[in-house]
Protein backbone atom coordinates (compact mmCIF):
# COMPACT_ATOMS: atom_id res chain seq x y z
CA MET A 1 -1.53 -11.91 20.12
CA GLY A 2 2.41 -10.42 20.37
CA ALA A 3 4.96 -12.15 22.18
CA ALA A 4 5.07 -10.29 25.11
CA LEU A 5 1.34 -10.23 25.34
CA SER A 6 1.23 -13.80 25.63
CA GLY A 7 4.17 -13.84 27.56
CA PHE A 8 2.64 -11.85 29.90
CA ALA A 9 -0.49 -13.91 29.91
CA ALA A 10 1.37 -17.10 30.83
CA ARG A 11 3.16 -15.10 33.89
CA VAL A 12 1.23 -13.10 35.44
CA GLU A 13 -2.14 -13.39 34.33
CA ASP A 14 -3.06 -16.33 36.88
CA THR A 15 -1.24 -15.30 39.52
CA LEU A 16 -3.38 -12.17 40.22
CA ILE A 17 -5.19 -12.06 43.34
CA GLN A 18 -7.42 -9.10 43.45
CA PRO A 19 -8.49 -6.17 40.81
CA ILE A 20 -4.86 -4.73 39.11
CA HIS A 21 -4.87 -2.21 36.65
CA VAL A 22 -1.52 -2.76 34.10
CA THR A 23 -0.52 0.21 32.58
CA GLY A 24 1.80 0.93 29.14
CA SER A 25 2.10 -1.72 26.44
CA ALA A 26 4.92 -2.24 24.10
CA ARG A 27 3.90 0.21 20.91
CA HIS A 28 4.10 -2.41 18.37
CA LEU A 29 1.70 -4.66 19.94
CA THR A 30 -0.96 -1.95 20.38
CA PRO A 31 -2.51 0.59 18.22
CA ALA A 32 -2.51 3.56 20.73
CA LYS A 33 -1.60 6.95 21.64
CA ALA A 34 2.41 7.21 22.68
CA ASP A 35 3.73 6.95 25.95
CA ARG A 36 4.54 10.38 27.40
CA ASN A 37 7.11 9.69 29.42
CA ASP A 38 8.71 6.44 27.28
CA PRO A 39 7.65 6.87 23.57
CA ARG A 40 8.80 2.71 23.41
CA LEU A 41 5.24 2.40 25.44
CA VAL A 42 1.82 3.49 24.18
CA SER A 43 -0.67 4.97 26.92
CA VAL A 44 -2.78 1.39 27.68
CA ARG A 45 -5.27 0.22 31.24
CA ASP A 46 -5.84 -3.14 31.28
CA LEU A 47 -8.12 -3.87 34.26
CA HIS A 48 -8.17 -7.38 35.03
CA LEU A 49 -10.20 -9.64 37.23
CA ARG A 50 -10.83 -12.73 38.47
CA LEU A 51 -13.84 -12.82 35.48
CA GLY A 52 -11.18 -11.94 32.43
CA ASP A 53 -9.83 -8.14 31.31
CA ARG A 54 -11.39 -5.26 30.38
CA GLU A 55 -9.08 -3.26 28.18
CA ARG A 56 -8.57 1.25 27.83
CA PHE A 57 -6.67 2.64 26.09
CA SER A 58 -6.03 6.17 24.73
CA GLU A 59 -6.84 7.26 21.25
CA LEU A 60 -4.08 7.31 18.94
CA ASN A 61 -5.03 10.46 17.24
CA ASP A 62 -1.54 11.97 16.25
CA PRO A 63 -1.26 12.00 12.34
CA GLN A 64 2.52 11.69 12.55
CA ASP A 65 2.48 9.06 14.47
CA GLN A 66 -0.27 7.15 12.84
CA ARG A 67 1.93 7.85 9.22
CA GLU A 68 4.80 6.53 10.53
CA ARG A 69 3.18 3.44 11.86
CA PHE A 70 1.79 2.79 8.91
CA GLU A 71 4.32 3.08 6.95
CA ALA A 72 6.21 0.79 9.20
CA GLN A 73 3.64 -1.43 8.55
CA MET A 74 3.16 -1.03 4.87
CA GLN A 75 7.22 -1.99 4.52
CA ALA A 76 6.61 -5.54 6.77
CA ARG A 77 4.34 -5.73 4.23
CA ALA A 78 6.04 -5.37 1.33
CA LYS A 79 8.82 -7.72 2.92
CA VAL A 80 6.92 -10.32 3.49
CA MET A 81 5.48 -10.06 0.09
CA ARG A 82 8.83 -9.90 -1.29
CA LYS A 83 10.25 -12.93 0.37
CA ARG A 84 6.82 -15.43 -0.57
CA SER A 85 7.24 -14.20 -4.16
CA SER A 86 11.38 -15.13 -3.92
CA SER A 87 9.83 -18.37 -2.66
CA THR A 88 7.53 -19.31 -4.93
CA ARG A 89 9.66 -18.90 -8.24
CA THR A 90 12.81 -20.89 -6.44
CA THR A 91 9.75 -23.90 -6.63
């Protein structure tokens, strides 16, 4: 679970009294379609109830956005692998 998401859970979820829709999520936390009004967010709608939450999100169907995210994930993975590789050589 991402830091922002766990922060929301720790700070807000337990204080909710009635059903509430929470919209928008940080782009790096959820693989969903980008928000039309804020490219930092994705189009997510979470329904929070006392019984738990019911997450809904818009399908990520923009091929350019998918490629950019995939390439960013691959770069991050390569960076981690290089770091692991260099740390095993030094031990």
